[in-house]
Amino acid sequence: MSQQQKPVISTSFSYETLEETLDIKPKGVPLHIGMPKEIAFQENRIALTPDAVGVLVSNGHEVIIEHCAGEGAHYRDKDYSEAGARIVHDKAEVLKAPILVKSAPVIEEDLPMLQLNQIIISPIHLSAMKADLLQKMMDKRITGISFENLKDDSGTYPIVRSMSEIAGSAVMLIAGQYLSSANRGKGVLLGGISGIPPTKVIILGAGIVGEFAARAALALGASVKVFDNSVYRLKRLQNNIGQRMWTSVMEPRILAKQLKTCEIAVGALSSQTGRTPVVVTDEMVSNMRPGSVIIDVSIDRGGCFETSEITTHEHPVFMKYGVIHYCVPNIPSGFARTASHAISNVLMPLLLEAGEEGGFENLVWHKIHLRSGIYLFKGALTNFHLSQRFDLKYTDLNLLIASQR
């Protein structure tokens, strides 16, 4: 090459911009959803209403329902078949569906009929969960999504919130009923009547149940006093209700004094990890007025009154020291139609979204907030509390999902 000739470098393609590559949304897939009839104790709710089933079917999904599954919530088979669901009489056939939607936790009787790699959306009731049941679900490589831990995109727990709202609102209706003379109550009307001092209501716990119980009591004209050890929760309750209320931290002397003169005491304390703390002793209850009513909403986690014992919807109350105790663990199930509607409002959009995203795996890849609801992922235990409690191997869900990609 002579010195005059310089090498020519081609630059025509070197700096061309490339098209941006985006995460392409997969094509939607039709889902096959099964809803068995619940045989668990006192479970009357159903997880999808006929209207919700109609929406799912019109979007190309298949829904199979066991005969009489909606009976407890007063939904007939005819309502579901008209919405496009297939009604079958054989539970085993329903439990073959790749996606199961249940309003009660998985029980021993279901296990032999569950399929490999199934997705189950249901409550788990941490306190009642057994290690061998969990192990068998892990062996079947099941993906489990729990109602209790399912978050929406605002970071709240929509199903827990709805059930707490129902329980809180129902508490005052139940209390009003048991205050009447016909039910051996004090014979007072829950509410404010001109010229008569208002009924006195004590609420333990300023969470959602406490807030909705306080709303209902105030709306009826009762005098409401709320106890909680979190000053933040007490402030939030006052702000949400929009008026200054009598509130206090759990001071045993103050609590005992207030319980002596109240007509209704509501236990609405919650515990994230284990048993609810007992804050009302046997002695405090014995000093309460005969005919007053205790409603222990936190009985499903042990109860916060020392005198509480679990009762049923058929026999909801017992007397101790002349005080009426109502300790039914699953209050929303007594208002099954409203509760079913509330659960359905959360699950139907979730199932639609899963179909559009090409299945649940793709959905949890894109929607990080849903990951908190998953306690089993293809047989791997992803709930830290359960792994500690039963001494089982814990796997981080985020790592699992990333490794699948």
Protein backbone atom coordinates (compact mmCIF):
# COMPACT_ATOMS: atom_id res chain seq x y z
CA MET A 1 0.00 0.00 0.00
CA SER A 2 1.47 3.39 -1.00
CA GLN A 3 1.88 6.09 1.59
CA GLN A 4 -0.68 8.35 -0.15
CA GLN A 5 -3.46 5.77 0.12
CA LYS A 6 -5.14 5.77 3.54
CA PRO A 7 -7.29 2.85 4.66
CA VAL A 8 -11.02 3.59 4.37
CA ILE A 9 -13.07 2.66 7.41
CA SER A 10 -16.71 2.00 6.74
CA THR A 11 -18.86 3.82 9.30
CA SER A 12 -22.20 3.48 7.58
CA PHE A 13 -23.47 0.86 10.00
CA SER A 14 -21.40 1.39 13.14
CA TYR A 15 -23.56 4.03 14.79
CA GLU A 16 -26.98 3.05 13.60
CA THR A 17 -29.50 3.03 16.46
CA LEU A 18 -31.13 -0.28 17.21
CA GLU A 19 -34.82 -0.66 17.89
CA GLU A 20 -35.64 -0.78 21.58
CA THR A 21 -36.50 -4.29 22.73
CA LEU A 22 -39.37 -4.29 25.18
CA ASP A 23 -40.71 -7.07 27.40
CA ILE A 24 -43.34 -8.40 25.00
CA LYS A 25 -46.64 -9.21 26.70
CA PRO A 26 -47.54 -12.86 26.12
CA LYS A 27 -50.80 -13.76 24.44
CA GLY A 28 -53.68 -14.37 26.79
CA VAL A 29 -54.52 -17.95 27.73
CA PRO A 30 -57.90 -19.43 28.67
CA LEU A 31 -57.98 -20.51 32.32
CA HIS A 32 -59.70 -23.64 33.63
CA ILE A 33 -61.10 -22.80 37.09
CA GLY A 34 -62.74 -25.21 39.57
CA MET A 35 -64.87 -24.36 42.64
CA PRO A 36 -65.71 -27.26 44.98
CA LYS A 37 -68.49 -27.23 47.59
CA GLU A 38 -66.95 -26.45 50.99
CA ILE A 39 -67.43 -29.05 53.72
CA ALA A 40 -65.28 -27.21 56.28
CA PHE A 41 -66.87 -26.27 59.61
CA GLN A 42 -69.40 -23.42 59.26
CA GLU A 43 -68.17 -22.25 55.85
CA ASN A 44 -71.09 -20.76 53.91
CA ARG A 45 -69.17 -18.42 51.59
CA ILE A 46 -68.25 -19.06 47.98
CA ALA A 47 -65.29 -17.34 46.33
CA LEU A 48 -66.94 -16.29 43.04
CA THR A 49 -70.51 -15.02 42.55
CA PRO A 50 -72.56 -15.93 39.44
CA ASP A 51 -71.95 -12.41 38.03
CA ALA A 52 -68.17 -12.86 38.39
CA VAL A 53 -68.38 -16.29 36.73
CA GLY A 54 -70.32 -14.69 33.85
CA VAL A 55 -67.50 -12.16 33.31
CA LEU A 56 -64.84 -14.91 33.35
CA VAL A 57 -66.77 -17.13 30.92
CA SER A 58 -67.42 -14.24 28.50
CA ASN A 59 -63.65 -13.65 28.50
CA GLY A 60 -63.02 -17.18 27.26
CA HIS A 61 -62.30 -18.93 30.59
CA GLU A 62 -63.87 -22.21 31.68
CA VAL A 63 -65.48 -22.50 35.13
CA ILE A 64 -66.53 -25.83 36.65
CA ILE A 65 -68.54 -25.82 39.89
CA GLU A 66 -69.63 -28.63 42.21
CA HIS A 67 -73.38 -29.11 42.62
CA CYS A 68 -74.82 -26.90 45.44
CA ALA A 69 -71.46 -25.11 46.05
CA GLY A 70 -73.17 -21.72 46.39
CA GLU A 71 -76.06 -22.92 48.57
CA GLY A 72 -74.68 -21.44 51.82
CA ALA A 73 -74.61 -17.97 50.24
CA HIS A 74 -78.06 -18.51 48.63
CA TYR A 75 -76.73 -18.83 45.08
CA ARG A 76 -78.41 -21.65 43.15
CA ASP A 77 -76.88 -23.98 40.56
CA LYS A 78 -79.27 -22.40 38.04
CA ASP A 79 -77.64 -18.96 38.66
CA TYR A 80 -74.22 -20.41 37.88
CA SER A 81 -75.25 -22.46 34.85
CA GLU A 82 -77.00 -19.40 33.37
CA ALA A 83 -73.72 -17.49 33.86
CA GLY A 84 -71.97 -20.15 31.74
CA ALA A 85 -70.42 -22.41 34.39
CA ARG A 86 -70.50 -26.20 34.12
CA ILE A 87 -72.15 -27.86 37.13
CA VAL A 88 -70.90 -31.34 38.10
CA HIS A 89 -71.87 -33.71 40.91
CA ASP A 90 -68.43 -35.31 41.33
CA LYS A 91 -66.03 -33.42 43.63
CA ALA A 92 -63.02 -35.28 42.15
CA GLU A 93 -63.82 -33.85 38.70
CA VAL A 94 -63.85 -30.28 40.09
CA LEU A 95 -60.56 -30.84 41.92
CA LYS A 96 -58.88 -31.82 38.63
CA ALA A 97 -59.07 -28.20 37.42
CA PRO A 98 -55.60 -26.59 37.03
CA ILE A 99 -56.78 -23.58 39.11
CA LEU A 100 -58.84 -24.17 42.26
CA VAL A 101 -60.65 -21.31 43.98
CA LYS A 102 -61.84 -22.14 47.51
CA SER A 103 -63.44 -20.11 50.31
CA ALA A 104 -62.07 -22.46 53.01
CA PRO A 105 -58.54 -23.83 53.55
CA VAL A 106 -57.40 -27.09 51.94
CA ILE A 107 -58.34 -30.02 54.22
CA GLU A 108 -57.11 -33.64 54.54
CA GLU A 109 -60.05 -34.99 52.48
CA ASP A 110 -59.02 -32.87 49.49
CA LEU A 111 -55.39 -34.07 49.35
CA PRO A 112 -55.77 -37.38 47.44
CA MET A 113 -57.73 -35.59 44.67
CA LEU A 114 -55.33 -32.65 44.20
CA GLN A 115 -53.28 -32.61 40.99
CA LEU A 116 -49.58 -32.06 40.32
CA ASN A 117 -48.63 -28.41 39.65
CA GLN A 118 -52.09 -27.14 40.60
CA ILE A 119 -52.71 -23.50 41.60
CA ILE A 120 -54.91 -23.13 44.69
CA ILE A 121 -56.35 -19.77 45.79
CA SER A 122 -57.84 -20.09 49.29
CA PRO A 123 -57.52 -18.93 52.91
CA ILE A 124 -54.84 -20.77 54.95
CA HIS A 125 -55.75 -20.08 58.62
CA LEU A 126 -52.18 -20.14 59.94
CA SER A 127 -53.28 -21.20 63.44
CA ALA A 128 -55.01 -24.37 62.14
CA MET A 129 -52.42 -25.35 59.50
CA LYS A 130 -50.75 -28.77 60.01
CA ALA A 131 -47.21 -29.73 58.95
CA ASP A 132 -48.15 -32.99 57.18
CA LEU A 133 -50.87 -31.24 55.12
CA LEU A 134 -48.32 -28.64 54.02
CA GLN A 135 -45.73 -31.33 53.21
CA LYS A 136 -48.20 -33.25 51.01
CA MET A 137 -49.04 -30.07 49.11
CA MET A 138 -45.31 -29.46 48.62
CA ASP A 139 -44.89 -33.02 47.30
CA LYS A 140 -47.56 -32.30 44.66
CA ARG A 141 -45.62 -29.17 43.57
CA ILE A 142 -48.66 -26.99 44.29
CA THR A 143 -48.64 -23.20 44.03
CA GLY A 144 -50.70 -21.79 46.92
CA ILE A 145 -52.05 -18.24 47.10
CA SER A 146 -53.62 -17.21 50.42
CA PHE A 147 -56.51 -14.78 50.94
CA GLU A 148 -54.95 -13.43 54.15
CA ASN A 149 -51.64 -12.31 52.63
CA LEU A 150 -52.84 -11.22 49.19
CA LYS A 151 -51.96 -7.56 48.58
CA ASP A 152 -53.33 -5.16 45.98
CA ASP A 153 -51.23 -2.54 44.21
CA SER A 154 -51.80 0.00 47.01
CA GLY A 155 -50.12 -2.36 49.50
CA THR A 156 -53.26 -3.21 51.51
CA TYR A 157 -54.87 -6.63 52.04
CA PRO A 158 -58.23 -6.32 50.23
CA ILE A 159 -59.87 -9.61 51.33
CA VAL A 160 -58.82 -9.27 54.98
CA ARG A 161 -60.01 -5.67 54.94
CA SER A 162 -63.44 -6.58 53.49
CA MET A 163 -63.94 -9.44 55.99
CA SER A 164 -62.89 -7.13 58.87
CA GLU A 165 -65.34 -4.45 57.68
CA ILE A 166 -68.16 -7.04 57.61
CA ALA A 167 -67.24 -8.40 61.08
CA GLY A 168 -66.98 -4.88 62.55
CA SER A 169 -70.33 -3.75 61.14
CA ALA A 170 -72.03 -7.03 62.13
CA VAL A 171 -70.80 -6.86 65.73
CA MET A 172 -73.19 -4.07 66.68
CA LEU A 173 -76.18 -5.76 65.02
CA ILE A 174 -75.40 -8.93 66.98
CA ALA A 175 -74.85 -7.02 70.25
CA GLY A 176 -78.14 -5.13 69.86
CA GLN A 177 -79.96 -8.43 69.45
CA TYR A 178 -78.48 -10.00 72.62
CA LEU A 179 -79.15 -6.92 74.77
CA SER A 180 -82.89 -7.53 74.44
CA SER A 181 -84.85 -9.11 77.31
CA ALA A 182 -85.89 -12.01 75.04
CA ASN A 183 -82.23 -13.11 74.91
CA ARG A 184 -81.68 -12.73 78.69
CA GLY A 185 -79.89 -9.43 78.04
CA LYS A 186 -80.14 -6.23 80.06
CA GLY A 187 -83.26 -5.18 78.19
CA VAL A 188 -81.73 -1.97 76.85
CA LEU A 189 -81.89 -0.61 73.32
CA LEU A 190 -78.54 -0.12 71.64
CA GLY A 191 -78.70 3.54 70.67
CA GLY A 192 -79.52 7.02 71.82
CA ILE A 193 -83.12 7.80 72.74
CA SER A 194 -84.08 11.36 73.75
CA GLY A 195 -83.81 11.86 77.49
CA ILE A 196 -82.13 8.48 78.13
CA PRO A 197 -78.35 8.10 78.66
CA PRO A 198 -76.74 6.35 75.64
CA THR A 199 -75.66 2.72 75.72
CA LYS A 200 -71.98 2.37 76.62
CA VAL A 201 -69.76 0.41 74.22
CA ILE A 202 -66.11 -0.55 74.90
CA ILE A 203 -63.98 -1.60 71.92
CA LEU A 204 -60.58 -3.26 72.39
CA GLY A 205 -58.48 -2.71 69.28
CA ALA A 206 -58.45 0.22 66.83
CA GLY A 207 -57.87 -1.78 63.64
CA ILE A 208 -60.41 -2.16 60.83
CA VAL A 209 -62.80 -4.31 62.92
CA GLY A 210 -62.63 -1.77 65.75
CA GLU A 211 -63.14 1.14 63.37
CA PHE A 212 -66.24 -0.33 61.72
CA ALA A 213 -67.70 -1.44 65.07
CA ALA A 214 -67.17 2.14 66.34
CA ARG A 215 -68.83 3.60 63.20
CA ALA A 216 -71.89 1.38 63.61
CA ALA A 217 -72.19 2.09 67.35
CA LEU A 218 -71.84 5.87 66.86
CA ALA A 219 -74.40 5.81 64.04
CA LEU A 220 -76.87 4.14 66.42
CA GLY A 221 -76.20 6.83 69.03
CA ALA A 222 -74.15 4.80 71.53
CA SER A 223 -71.30 6.18 73.63
CA VAL A 224 -68.04 4.58 72.38
CA LYS A 225 -64.68 4.16 74.13
CA VAL A 226 -61.74 2.59 72.28
CA PHE A 227 -58.62 0.97 73.76
CA ASP A 228 -55.46 0.12 71.81
CA ASN A 229 -51.75 0.09 72.65
CA SER A 230 -50.87 1.86 69.39
CA VAL A 231 -51.38 5.61 69.62
CA TYR A 232 -50.94 5.76 65.82
CA ARG A 233 -53.92 3.42 65.32
CA LEU A 234 -56.04 5.44 67.77
CA LYS A 235 -55.22 8.66 65.88
CA ARG A 236 -55.97 7.00 62.54
CA LEU A 237 -59.33 5.75 63.85
CA GLN A 238 -60.31 9.27 64.94
CA ASN A 239 -59.24 10.75 61.60
CA ASN A 240 -61.10 8.07 59.60
CA ILE A 241 -64.30 8.49 61.62
CA GLY A 242 -63.91 12.25 61.52
CA GLN A 243 -64.63 13.10 65.16
CA ARG A 244 -62.78 13.18 68.47
CA MET A 245 -63.50 10.08 70.50
CA TRP A 246 -62.69 8.74 73.96
CA THR A 247 -59.54 6.66 73.44
CA SER A 248 -56.95 5.12 75.75
CA VAL A 249 -53.97 2.79 75.78
CA MET A 250 -54.46 -0.60 77.48
CA GLU A 251 -54.20 0.51 81.10
CA PRO A 252 -55.58 -2.39 83.22
CA ARG A 253 -57.03 -0.14 85.95
CA ILE A 254 -58.78 2.18 83.48
CA LEU A 255 -59.98 -0.80 81.43
CA ALA A 256 -61.41 -2.60 84.49
CA LYS A 257 -63.24 0.57 85.57
CA GLN A 258 -64.79 1.09 82.12
CA LEU A 259 -65.83 -2.56 81.78
CA LYS A 260 -67.72 -2.38 85.11
CA THR A 261 -70.21 0.11 83.69
CA CYS A 262 -70.48 -0.87 79.99
CA GLU A 263 -73.31 -2.70 78.24
CA ILE A 264 -71.21 -4.08 75.35
CA ALA A 265 -67.52 -5.07 75.21
CA VAL A 266 -66.01 -5.94 71.81
CA GLY A 267 -62.67 -7.77 71.51
CA ALA A 268 -61.13 -6.72 68.17
CA LEU A 269 -57.41 -7.11 68.85
CA SER A 270 -55.30 -8.76 66.16
CA SER A 271 -51.97 -10.53 66.20
CA GLN A 272 -49.76 -10.98 63.13
CA THR A 273 -47.73 -13.91 64.38
CA GLY A 274 -49.52 -15.96 67.01
CA ARG A 275 -52.15 -15.88 69.71
CA THR A 276 -54.03 -12.68 70.54
CA PRO A 277 -52.98 -11.31 73.95
CA VAL A 278 -55.51 -11.80 76.76
CA VAL A 279 -56.17 -8.30 78.12
CA VAL A 280 -59.43 -8.87 80.03
CA THR A 281 -59.06 -11.18 83.02
CA ASP A 282 -61.62 -13.50 84.61
CA GLU A 283 -61.92 -11.07 87.53
CA MET A 284 -62.68 -8.07 85.23
CA VAL A 285 -65.51 -10.06 83.58
CA SER A 286 -66.93 -11.10 86.97
CA ASN A 287 -67.26 -7.40 87.90
CA MET A 288 -69.27 -6.59 84.75
CA ARG A 289 -73.00 -5.94 85.02
CA PRO A 290 -75.28 -9.00 84.59
CA GLY A 291 -76.95 -9.00 81.17
CA SER A 292 -74.12 -7.12 79.44
CA VAL A 293 -72.68 -8.61 76.23
CA ILE A 294 -69.13 -9.62 75.28
CA ILE A 295 -68.37 -10.20 71.58
CA ASP A 296 -64.88 -11.62 71.05
CA VAL A 297 -64.08 -11.15 67.35
CA SER A 298 -60.47 -12.22 67.92
CA ILE A 299 -61.54 -15.71 69.09
CA ASP A 300 -60.13 -17.27 65.89
CA ARG A 301 -56.68 -16.38 67.27
CA GLY A 302 -57.42 -17.39 70.84
CA GLY A 303 -59.53 -14.45 72.02
CA CYS A 304 -58.65 -11.46 74.21
CA PHE A 305 -61.09 -12.23 77.08
CA GLU A 306 -59.96 -14.89 79.57
CA THR A 307 -63.52 -16.24 79.77
CA SER A 308 -63.93 -16.72 75.98
CA GLU A 309 -64.63 -20.18 74.53
CA ILE A 310 -65.33 -20.92 70.87
CA THR A 311 -69.06 -21.10 69.98
CA THR A 312 -70.87 -21.88 66.70
CA HIS A 313 -73.42 -20.11 64.47
CA GLU A 314 -75.98 -22.71 65.69
CA HIS A 315 -75.22 -22.11 69.41
CA PRO A 316 -73.55 -18.70 69.39
CA VAL A 317 -73.69 -17.67 73.06
CA PHE A 318 -73.03 -18.88 76.60
CA MET A 319 -73.35 -17.18 80.01
CA LYS A 320 -70.57 -16.70 82.54
CA TYR A 321 -70.89 -14.47 85.63
CA GLY A 322 -74.28 -13.42 84.19
CA VAL A 323 -72.50 -11.92 81.14
CA ILE A 324 -73.53 -13.08 77.65
CA HIS A 325 -70.49 -14.25 75.62
CA TYR A 326 -70.67 -14.38 71.80
CA CYS A 327 -67.50 -16.11 70.49
CA VAL A 328 -68.20 -17.32 66.94
CA PRO A 329 -64.89 -17.50 65.04
CA ASN A 330 -66.10 -16.88 61.50
CA ILE A 331 -68.53 -13.94 61.79
CA PRO A 332 -68.46 -13.00 58.03
CA SER A 333 -69.67 -16.52 57.18
CA GLY A 334 -72.93 -15.65 58.99
CA PHE A 335 -73.39 -12.93 56.35
CA ALA A 336 -72.28 -15.28 53.59
CA ARG A 337 -73.77 -13.51 50.59
CA THR A 338 -72.18 -10.13 51.39
CA ALA A 339 -68.86 -11.83 52.23
CA SER A 340 -68.91 -13.88 49.00
CA HIS A 341 -69.51 -10.71 46.99
CA ALA A 342 -66.55 -9.01 48.70
CA ILE A 343 -64.17 -11.95 48.01
CA SER A 344 -65.40 -12.23 44.43
CA ASN A 345 -64.70 -8.52 43.81
CA VAL A 346 -61.02 -9.18 44.53
CA LEU A 347 -60.56 -12.57 42.85
CA MET A 348 -62.44 -12.01 39.58
CA PRO A 349 -60.16 -9.14 38.36
CA LEU A 350 -57.12 -11.15 39.54
CA LEU A 351 -58.14 -14.20 37.46
CA LEU A 352 -58.90 -12.02 34.43
CA GLU A 353 -55.49 -10.42 34.71
CA ALA A 354 -53.80 -13.82 35.04
CA GLY A 355 -55.52 -14.93 31.82
CA GLU A 356 -54.44 -11.78 29.96
CA GLU A 357 -50.84 -12.14 31.14
CA GLY A 358 -50.64 -15.75 29.95
CA GLY A 359 -50.97 -17.45 33.36
CA PHE A 360 -50.13 -16.82 37.02
CA GLU A 361 -46.38 -17.24 36.54
CA ASN A 362 -46.25 -14.32 34.14
CA LEU A 363 -48.59 -12.31 36.37
CA VAL A 364 -46.35 -12.57 39.46
CA TRP A 365 -43.33 -11.70 37.31
CA HIS A 366 -44.94 -8.37 36.37
CA LYS A 367 -46.98 -7.67 39.54
CA ILE A 368 -44.58 -7.74 42.46
CA HIS A 369 -47.26 -6.90 45.06
CA LEU A 370 -48.95 -10.28 44.47
CA ARG A 371 -45.88 -12.18 45.69
CA SER A 372 -46.73 -11.64 49.36
CA GLY A 373 -49.83 -13.81 48.91
CA ILE A 374 -47.90 -16.85 47.64
CA TYR A 375 -46.99 -19.31 50.40
CA LEU A 376 -46.11 -22.23 48.08
CA PHE A 377 -44.54 -21.86 44.63
CA LYS A 378 -44.37 -25.12 42.62
CA GLY A 379 -43.92 -27.03 45.86
CA ALA A 380 -41.31 -24.71 47.41
CA LEU A 381 -42.31 -23.12 50.73
CA THR A 382 -42.09 -19.33 50.38
CA ASN A 383 -43.78 -18.23 53.63
CA PHE A 384 -41.21 -17.48 56.35
CA HIS A 385 -43.66 -17.88 59.30
CA LEU A 386 -44.72 -21.36 58.14
CA SER A 387 -41.13 -22.48 57.55
CA GLN A 388 -40.14 -21.40 61.08
CA ARG A 389 -43.20 -22.92 62.70
CA PHE A 390 -42.87 -26.36 61.07
CA ASP A 391 -39.09 -26.33 60.64
CA LEU A 392 -39.36 -26.72 56.85
CA LYS A 393 -36.98 -25.36 54.22
CA TYR A 394 -37.74 -21.75 53.26
CA THR A 395 -37.06 -20.51 49.72
CA ASP A 396 -37.06 -16.86 48.69
CA LEU A 397 -39.85 -16.38 46.14
CA ASN A 398 -38.09 -13.54 44.30
CA LEU A 399 -35.08 -15.78 43.63
CA LEU A 400 -37.35 -18.63 42.50
CA ILE A 401 -39.22 -16.42 40.05
CA ALA A 402 -35.99 -14.89 38.70
CA SER A 403 -34.45 -18.35 38.20
CA GLN A 404 -37.51 -19.49 36.17
CA ARG A 405 -36.89 -16.76 33.60
